[in-house]
Amino acid sequence: MMYSFIEEAVIKGDIDQVWAVATDVARWSEWDPHEEQSRIDGPFEVGTTGWVKPKGAPAGPFTITAVEPGKTWTSEAGIPFGKLRGQRTYEALGDGTLRVSERVEVHGPFGPLFKLIWAKAMRADMPLTFAALEKEALQRG
């Protein structure tokens, strides 16, 4: 059993700068309105763990499960009777803009409850996160 959704936006910016901001886990809470606290326990690579406290949701650990530098990364977190997987993708469009997206998958019987309690707010936050990512990358650039 799986529940999933995807959100995407087109933002202004340089792919390398956006990637640098998006993968700077320790600083997420400084610019991302969805994240209250975050940390990473090593280099940004497959197998590294971290911890995050999203707004309006329980805090917990995650593991980076895939990284294609400058393009995409995936993380997984345990949830009751399953896992939550998030895949973020960054695609330069060649005109000073990028398509950014996040696909969220909830695996296991917890999916319907996740959809009922957290999905709507999470989806509503994603455009705010994308806009904040654009702003932070432009400021750091």
N, C-alpha and C. Protein backbone atom coordinates (compact mmCIF):
# COMPACT_ATOMS: atom_id res chain seq x y z
N MET A 1 0.85 -1.18 0.00
CA MET A 1 0.00 0.00 0.00
C MET A 1 0.89 1.24 0.00
N MET A 2 0.59 2.18 -0.92
CA MET A 2 1.37 3.40 -0.99
C MET A 2 0.48 4.58 -1.35
N TYR A 3 0.74 5.69 -0.67
CA TYR A 3 0.12 6.97 -1.01
C TYR A 3 1.25 7.88 -1.47
N SER A 4 1.05 8.64 -2.55
CA SER A 4 2.11 9.54 -3.01
C SER A 4 1.52 10.80 -3.61
N PHE A 5 2.34 11.84 -3.66
CA PHE A 5 1.99 13.06 -4.36
C PHE A 5 3.28 13.74 -4.79
N ILE A 6 3.15 14.66 -5.73
CA ILE A 6 4.30 15.44 -6.21
C ILE A 6 3.88 16.89 -6.35
N GLU A 7 4.80 17.77 -6.00
CA GLU A 7 4.61 19.21 -6.20
C GLU A 7 5.83 19.71 -6.94
N GLU A 8 5.65 20.71 -7.79
CA GLU A 8 6.79 21.29 -8.50
C GLU A 8 6.55 22.76 -8.76
N ALA A 9 7.66 23.46 -9.06
CA ALA A 9 7.60 24.88 -9.36
C ALA A 9 8.79 25.22 -10.25
N VAL A 10 8.71 26.36 -10.91
CA VAL A 10 9.85 26.90 -11.65
C VAL A 10 10.34 28.10 -10.86
N ILE A 11 11.64 28.09 -10.53
CA ILE A 11 12.24 29.18 -9.77
C ILE A 11 13.42 29.75 -10.54
N LYS A 12 13.82 30.98 -10.21
CA LYS A 12 15.00 31.59 -10.78
C LYS A 12 16.21 31.11 -10.01
N GLY A 13 17.35 31.00 -10.71
CA GLY A 13 18.56 30.68 -9.99
C GLY A 13 19.54 29.85 -10.79
N ASP A 14 20.71 29.70 -10.19
CA ASP A 14 21.80 28.89 -10.73
C ASP A 14 21.71 27.50 -10.10
N ILE A 15 21.78 26.46 -10.92
CA ILE A 15 21.62 25.09 -10.44
C ILE A 15 22.60 24.76 -9.32
N ASP A 16 23.85 25.19 -9.45
CA ASP A 16 24.85 24.87 -8.44
C ASP A 16 24.54 25.56 -7.11
N GLN A 17 24.09 26.80 -7.18
CA GLN A 17 23.77 27.54 -5.95
C GLN A 17 22.52 26.96 -5.29
N VAL A 18 21.51 26.62 -6.09
CA VAL A 18 20.28 26.02 -5.54
C VAL A 18 20.62 24.68 -4.90
N TRP A 19 21.42 23.89 -5.57
CA TRP A 19 21.82 22.59 -5.02
C TRP A 19 22.57 22.77 -3.69
N ALA A 20 23.48 23.75 -3.64
CA ALA A 20 24.24 23.99 -2.41
C ALA A 20 23.33 24.34 -1.25
N VAL A 21 22.32 25.17 -1.49
CA VAL A 21 21.39 25.55 -0.43
C VAL A 21 20.50 24.36 -0.05
N ALA A 22 19.98 23.67 -1.05
CA ALA A 22 19.04 22.56 -0.79
C ALA A 22 19.68 21.41 -0.03
N THR A 23 20.99 21.24 -0.18
CA THR A 23 21.66 20.12 0.47
C THR A 23 22.42 20.54 1.73
N ASP A 24 22.28 21.79 2.14
CA ASP A 24 22.89 22.30 3.36
C ASP A 24 21.91 22.06 4.52
N VAL A 25 21.79 20.80 4.89
CA VAL A 25 20.76 20.35 5.84
C VAL A 25 20.79 21.14 7.15
N ALA A 26 21.96 21.40 7.67
CA ALA A 26 22.07 22.07 8.97
C ALA A 26 21.44 23.46 8.97
N ARG A 27 21.29 24.06 7.79
CA ARG A 27 20.75 25.43 7.71
C ARG A 27 19.31 25.49 7.19
N TRP A 28 18.66 24.33 6.97
CA TRP A 28 17.29 24.35 6.45
C TRP A 28 16.37 25.26 7.25
N SER A 29 16.44 25.18 8.57
CA SER A 29 15.49 25.95 9.39
C SER A 29 15.72 27.45 9.28
N GLU A 30 16.87 27.86 8.76
CA GLU A 30 17.13 29.30 8.59
C GLU A 30 16.30 29.91 7.46
N TRP A 31 15.95 29.10 6.45
CA TRP A 31 15.25 29.67 5.29
C TRP A 31 13.96 28.94 4.92
N ASP A 32 13.82 27.66 5.28
CA ASP A 32 12.65 26.87 4.87
C ASP A 32 11.54 26.99 5.91
N PRO A 33 10.40 27.59 5.56
CA PRO A 33 9.33 27.77 6.54
C PRO A 33 8.72 26.45 7.00
N HIS A 34 9.02 25.34 6.33
CA HIS A 34 8.47 24.03 6.69
C HIS A 34 9.30 23.34 7.77
N GLU A 35 10.56 23.75 7.93
CA GLU A 35 11.47 23.05 8.85
C GLU A 35 11.77 23.89 10.09
N GLU A 36 11.51 23.30 11.27
CA GLU A 36 11.81 23.98 12.52
C GLU A 36 13.24 23.73 12.97
N GLN A 37 13.75 22.51 12.78
CA GLN A 37 15.11 22.15 13.17
C GLN A 37 15.59 21.05 12.23
N SER A 38 16.91 21.00 12.02
CA SER A 38 17.47 19.92 11.19
C SER A 38 18.95 19.78 11.46
N ARG A 39 19.45 18.59 11.21
CA ARG A 39 20.89 18.36 11.30
C ARG A 39 21.26 17.20 10.38
N ILE A 40 22.53 17.10 10.05
CA ILE A 40 23.04 15.99 9.27
C ILE A 40 24.26 15.46 10.00
N ASP A 41 24.42 14.14 9.99
CA ASP A 41 25.44 13.49 10.80
C ASP A 41 26.65 13.05 9.98
N GLY A 42 26.95 13.76 8.90
CA GLY A 42 28.09 13.42 8.06
C GLY A 42 27.98 14.13 6.74
N PRO A 43 28.76 13.67 5.75
CA PRO A 43 28.71 14.30 4.43
C PRO A 43 27.39 14.01 3.72
N PHE A 44 27.00 14.87 2.78
CA PHE A 44 25.75 14.69 2.04
C PHE A 44 25.97 13.61 0.99
N GLU A 45 25.76 12.35 1.41
CA GLU A 45 25.96 11.21 0.51
C GLU A 45 25.09 10.05 0.97
N VAL A 46 24.96 9.07 0.10
CA VAL A 46 24.15 7.89 0.40
C VAL A 46 24.64 7.24 1.69
N GLY A 47 23.68 6.94 2.56
CA GLY A 47 23.98 6.28 3.82
C GLY A 47 24.09 7.21 5.00
N THR A 48 24.28 8.51 4.74
CA THR A 48 24.38 9.47 5.84
C THR A 48 23.00 9.67 6.45
N THR A 49 22.98 9.79 7.78
CA THR A 49 21.73 10.01 8.49
C THR A 49 21.63 11.46 8.94
N GLY A 50 20.44 11.84 9.29
CA GLY A 50 20.17 13.17 9.81
C GLY A 50 18.92 13.13 10.65
N TRP A 51 18.49 14.29 11.06
CA TRP A 51 17.31 14.42 11.91
C TRP A 51 16.61 15.70 11.52
N VAL A 52 15.28 15.67 11.52
CA VAL A 52 14.52 16.84 11.12
C VAL A 52 13.24 16.95 11.96
N LYS A 53 12.85 18.21 12.23
CA LYS A 53 11.59 18.50 12.91
C LYS A 53 10.80 19.42 12.00
N PRO A 54 9.87 18.82 11.19
CA PRO A 54 9.03 19.65 10.33
C PRO A 54 7.95 20.38 11.14
N LYS A 55 7.51 21.51 10.62
CA LYS A 55 6.41 22.26 11.24
C LYS A 55 5.15 21.39 11.26
N GLY A 56 4.55 21.24 12.41
CA GLY A 56 3.28 20.53 12.52
C GLY A 56 3.35 19.02 12.41
N ALA A 57 4.55 18.46 12.49
CA ALA A 57 4.71 17.01 12.37
C ALA A 57 5.77 16.54 13.37
N PRO A 58 5.77 15.26 13.67
CA PRO A 58 6.77 14.75 14.62
C PRO A 58 8.18 14.82 14.07
N ALA A 59 9.15 15.01 14.96
CA ALA A 59 10.57 14.99 14.60
C ALA A 59 11.02 13.55 14.43
N GLY A 60 12.07 13.37 13.64
CA GLY A 60 12.61 12.03 13.51
C GLY A 60 13.82 11.95 12.62
N PRO A 61 14.47 10.80 12.63
CA PRO A 61 15.66 10.59 11.81
C PRO A 61 15.31 10.27 10.36
N PHE A 62 16.27 10.53 9.48
CA PHE A 62 16.14 10.14 8.08
C PHE A 62 17.49 9.64 7.60
N THR A 63 17.49 8.93 6.48
CA THR A 63 18.71 8.44 5.85
C THR A 63 18.68 8.85 4.39
N ILE A 64 19.80 9.36 3.90
CA ILE A 64 19.92 9.68 2.48
C ILE A 64 20.12 8.36 1.74
N THR A 65 19.24 8.09 0.77
CA THR A 65 19.28 6.79 0.07
C THR A 65 19.73 6.90 -1.38
N ALA A 66 19.76 8.10 -1.95
CA ALA A 66 20.23 8.28 -3.32
C ALA A 66 20.65 9.73 -3.50
N VAL A 67 21.74 9.93 -4.24
CA VAL A 67 22.21 11.27 -4.57
C VAL A 67 22.78 11.25 -5.98
N GLU A 68 22.28 12.15 -6.82
CA GLU A 68 22.87 12.44 -8.12
C GLU A 68 23.22 13.92 -8.06
N PRO A 69 24.48 14.26 -7.73
CA PRO A 69 24.84 15.66 -7.47
C PRO A 69 24.35 16.62 -8.56
N GLY A 70 23.75 17.72 -8.08
CA GLY A 70 23.24 18.74 -8.99
C GLY A 70 21.93 18.39 -9.65
N LYS A 71 21.37 17.20 -9.35
CA LYS A 71 20.14 16.78 -10.03
C LYS A 71 19.04 16.31 -9.09
N THR A 72 19.35 15.33 -8.23
CA THR A 72 18.29 14.76 -7.40
C THR A 72 18.87 14.10 -6.16
N TRP A 73 18.07 14.04 -5.13
CA TRP A 73 18.44 13.28 -3.94
C TRP A 73 17.17 12.74 -3.29
N THR A 74 17.33 11.62 -2.60
CA THR A 74 16.20 10.94 -1.97
C THR A 74 16.56 10.62 -0.52
N SER A 75 15.56 10.73 0.34
CA SER A 75 15.75 10.33 1.74
C SER A 75 14.57 9.47 2.16
N GLU A 76 14.81 8.66 3.20
CA GLU A 76 13.77 7.82 3.76
C GLU A 76 13.76 7.97 5.27
N ALA A 77 12.57 7.89 5.82
CA ALA A 77 12.38 7.95 7.27
C ALA A 77 11.38 6.87 7.67
N GLY A 78 11.61 6.26 8.78
CA GLY A 78 10.67 5.28 9.29
C GLY A 78 9.43 5.96 9.85
N ILE A 79 8.28 5.36 9.60
CA ILE A 79 7.02 5.79 10.19
C ILE A 79 6.33 4.52 10.69
N PRO A 80 5.31 4.64 11.51
CA PRO A 80 4.67 3.42 12.01
C PRO A 80 4.27 2.47 10.86
N PHE A 81 4.76 1.26 10.92
CA PHE A 81 4.44 0.18 9.97
C PHE A 81 4.84 0.49 8.53
N GLY A 82 5.84 1.35 8.33
CA GLY A 82 6.24 1.64 6.95
C GLY A 82 7.36 2.65 6.88
N LYS A 83 7.40 3.38 5.75
CA LYS A 83 8.43 4.40 5.57
C LYS A 83 7.89 5.56 4.74
N LEU A 84 8.53 6.70 4.93
CA LEU A 84 8.24 7.92 4.19
C LEU A 84 9.46 8.19 3.32
N ARG A 85 9.26 8.33 2.02
CA ARG A 85 10.36 8.59 1.10
C ARG A 85 10.10 9.94 0.42
N GLY A 86 11.13 10.75 0.36
CA GLY A 86 11.03 12.03 -0.33
C GLY A 86 12.11 12.12 -1.38
N GLN A 87 11.74 12.45 -2.61
CA GLN A 87 12.70 12.63 -3.69
C GLN A 87 12.60 14.06 -4.19
N ARG A 88 13.73 14.78 -4.14
CA ARG A 88 13.78 16.15 -4.61
C ARG A 88 14.60 16.18 -5.90
N THR A 89 14.08 16.91 -6.89
CA THR A 89 14.71 16.96 -8.21
C THR A 89 14.87 18.42 -8.63
N TYR A 90 16.02 18.70 -9.26
CA TYR A 90 16.37 20.05 -9.71
C TYR A 90 16.80 19.96 -11.17
N GLU A 91 16.13 20.69 -12.05
CA GLU A 91 16.42 20.61 -13.48
C GLU A 91 16.60 22.01 -14.04
N ALA A 92 17.81 22.32 -14.50
CA ALA A 92 18.08 23.61 -15.12
C ALA A 92 17.34 23.67 -16.45
N LEU A 93 16.63 24.77 -16.69
CA LEU A 93 15.84 24.92 -17.92
C LEU A 93 16.57 25.73 -18.98
N GLY A 94 17.78 26.20 -18.65
CA GLY A 94 18.61 26.87 -19.66
C GLY A 94 18.36 28.35 -19.83
N ASP A 95 17.46 28.91 -19.06
CA ASP A 95 17.15 30.35 -19.20
C ASP A 95 17.26 31.08 -17.87
N GLY A 96 18.10 30.54 -16.98
CA GLY A 96 18.24 31.14 -15.65
C GLY A 96 17.17 30.69 -14.67
N THR A 97 16.42 29.66 -15.08
CA THR A 97 15.40 29.11 -14.18
C THR A 97 15.63 27.61 -14.02
N LEU A 98 14.98 27.06 -12.99
CA LEU A 98 15.04 25.63 -12.73
C LEU A 98 13.64 25.12 -12.41
N ARG A 99 13.40 23.88 -12.77
CA ARG A 99 12.20 23.19 -12.31
C ARG A 99 12.62 22.42 -11.07
N VAL A 100 11.96 22.69 -9.97
CA VAL A 100 12.21 21.97 -8.73
C VAL A 100 10.96 21.17 -8.39
N SER A 101 11.17 19.96 -7.89
CA SER A 101 10.01 19.15 -7.53
C SER A 101 10.34 18.30 -6.31
N GLU A 102 9.29 17.91 -5.63
CA GLU A 102 9.41 16.97 -4.53
C GLU A 102 8.29 15.94 -4.65
N ARG A 103 8.71 14.69 -4.67
CA ARG A 103 7.76 13.58 -4.67
C ARG A 103 7.81 12.93 -3.30
N VAL A 104 6.66 12.78 -2.69
CA VAL A 104 6.55 12.16 -1.37
C VAL A 104 5.79 10.85 -1.52
N GLU A 105 6.35 9.80 -0.95
CA GLU A 105 5.70 8.48 -0.94
C GLU A 105 5.58 8.01 0.50
N VAL A 106 4.41 7.55 0.85
CA VAL A 106 4.18 6.96 2.16
C VAL A 106 3.89 5.48 1.93
N HIS A 107 4.81 4.63 2.35
CA HIS A 107 4.68 3.18 2.15
C HIS A 107 4.15 2.53 3.43
N GLY A 108 3.17 1.66 3.27
CA GLY A 108 2.63 0.93 4.42
C GLY A 108 1.22 1.37 4.76
N PRO A 109 0.63 0.72 5.75
CA PRO A 109 -0.76 0.99 6.10
C PRO A 109 -1.01 2.36 6.73
N PHE A 110 0.05 3.10 7.02
CA PHE A 110 -0.09 4.43 7.62
C PHE A 110 -0.50 5.49 6.59
N GLY A 111 -0.42 5.14 5.30
CA GLY A 111 -0.71 6.08 4.22
C GLY A 111 -2.02 6.86 4.34
N PRO A 112 -3.15 6.17 4.54
CA PRO A 112 -4.42 6.91 4.64
C PRO A 112 -4.45 7.91 5.80
N LEU A 113 -3.86 7.53 6.93
CA LEU A 113 -3.81 8.44 8.07
C LEU A 113 -2.90 9.63 7.77
N PHE A 114 -1.77 9.38 7.13
CA PHE A 114 -0.86 10.44 6.72
C PHE A 114 -1.59 11.42 5.80
N LYS A 115 -2.30 10.87 4.81
CA LYS A 115 -3.05 11.70 3.87
C LYS A 115 -4.06 12.57 4.61
N LEU A 116 -4.76 11.98 5.56
CA LEU A 116 -5.80 12.69 6.31
C LEU A 116 -5.23 13.78 7.20
N ILE A 117 -4.11 13.51 7.89
CA ILE A 117 -3.60 14.43 8.91
C ILE A 117 -2.57 15.42 8.37
N TRP A 118 -1.59 14.97 7.55
CA TRP A 118 -0.45 15.81 7.21
C TRP A 118 -0.34 16.23 5.75
N ALA A 119 -0.88 15.47 4.83
CA ALA A 119 -0.60 15.72 3.41
C ALA A 119 -1.05 17.11 2.94
N LYS A 120 -2.22 17.55 3.33
CA LYS A 120 -2.73 18.84 2.84
C LYS A 120 -1.81 19.98 3.26
N ALA A 121 -1.41 20.00 4.52
CA ALA A 121 -0.52 21.06 5.00
C ALA A 121 0.86 20.95 4.36
N MET A 122 1.33 19.74 4.18
CA MET A 122 2.64 19.53 3.57
C MET A 122 2.64 20.05 2.13
N ARG A 123 1.59 19.72 1.39
CA ARG A 123 1.49 20.18 0.00
C ARG A 123 1.37 21.70 -0.06
N ALA A 124 0.65 22.29 0.88
CA ALA A 124 0.49 23.75 0.91
C ALA A 124 1.82 24.43 1.23
N ASP A 125 2.68 23.78 2.01
CA ASP A 125 3.98 24.35 2.37
C ASP A 125 5.00 24.27 1.24
N MET A 126 4.86 23.30 0.35
CA MET A 126 5.89 23.09 -0.67
C MET A 126 6.13 24.31 -1.56
N PRO A 127 5.10 25.00 -2.07
CA PRO A 127 5.38 26.21 -2.86
C PRO A 127 6.11 27.27 -2.04
N LEU A 128 5.83 27.35 -0.73
CA LEU A 128 6.53 28.30 0.13
C LEU A 128 8.00 27.90 0.27
N THR A 129 8.25 26.60 0.39
CA THR A 129 9.63 26.10 0.45
C THR A 129 10.37 26.39 -0.85
N PHE A 130 9.73 26.14 -1.98
CA PHE A 130 10.37 26.40 -3.28
C PHE A 130 10.71 27.88 -3.42
N ALA A 131 9.79 28.76 -3.03
CA ALA A 131 10.04 30.21 -3.12
C ALA A 131 11.16 30.62 -2.17
N ALA A 132 11.19 30.04 -0.99
CA ALA A 132 12.24 30.36 -0.02
C ALA A 132 13.60 29.83 -0.50
N LEU A 133 13.61 28.68 -1.17
CA LEU A 133 14.83 28.13 -1.74
C LEU A 133 15.38 29.09 -2.80
N GLU A 134 14.50 29.58 -3.66
CA GLU A 134 14.91 30.56 -4.68
C GLU A 134 15.53 31.78 -4.03
N LYS A 135 14.86 32.34 -3.04
CA LYS A 135 15.33 33.55 -2.38
C LYS A 135 16.68 33.32 -1.69
N GLU A 136 16.82 32.22 -0.97
CA GLU A 136 18.07 31.93 -0.25
C GLU A 136 19.22 31.69 -1.23
N ALA A 137 18.98 30.96 -2.31
CA ALA A 137 20.03 30.70 -3.29
C ALA A 137 20.49 32.00 -3.96
N LEU A 138 19.55 32.90 -4.26
CA LEU A 138 19.90 34.18 -4.87
C LEU A 138 20.69 35.04 -3.88
N GLN A 139 20.31 34.99 -2.60
CA GLN A 139 21.03 35.79 -1.58
C GLN A 139 22.43 35.25 -1.37
N ARG A 140 22.59 33.95 -1.33
CA ARG A 140 23.92 33.36 -1.10
C ARG A 140 24.81 33.52 -2.34
N GLY A 141 24.18 33.58 -3.52
CA GLY A 141 24.93 33.68 -4.76
C GLY A 141 25.59 35.02 -4.90
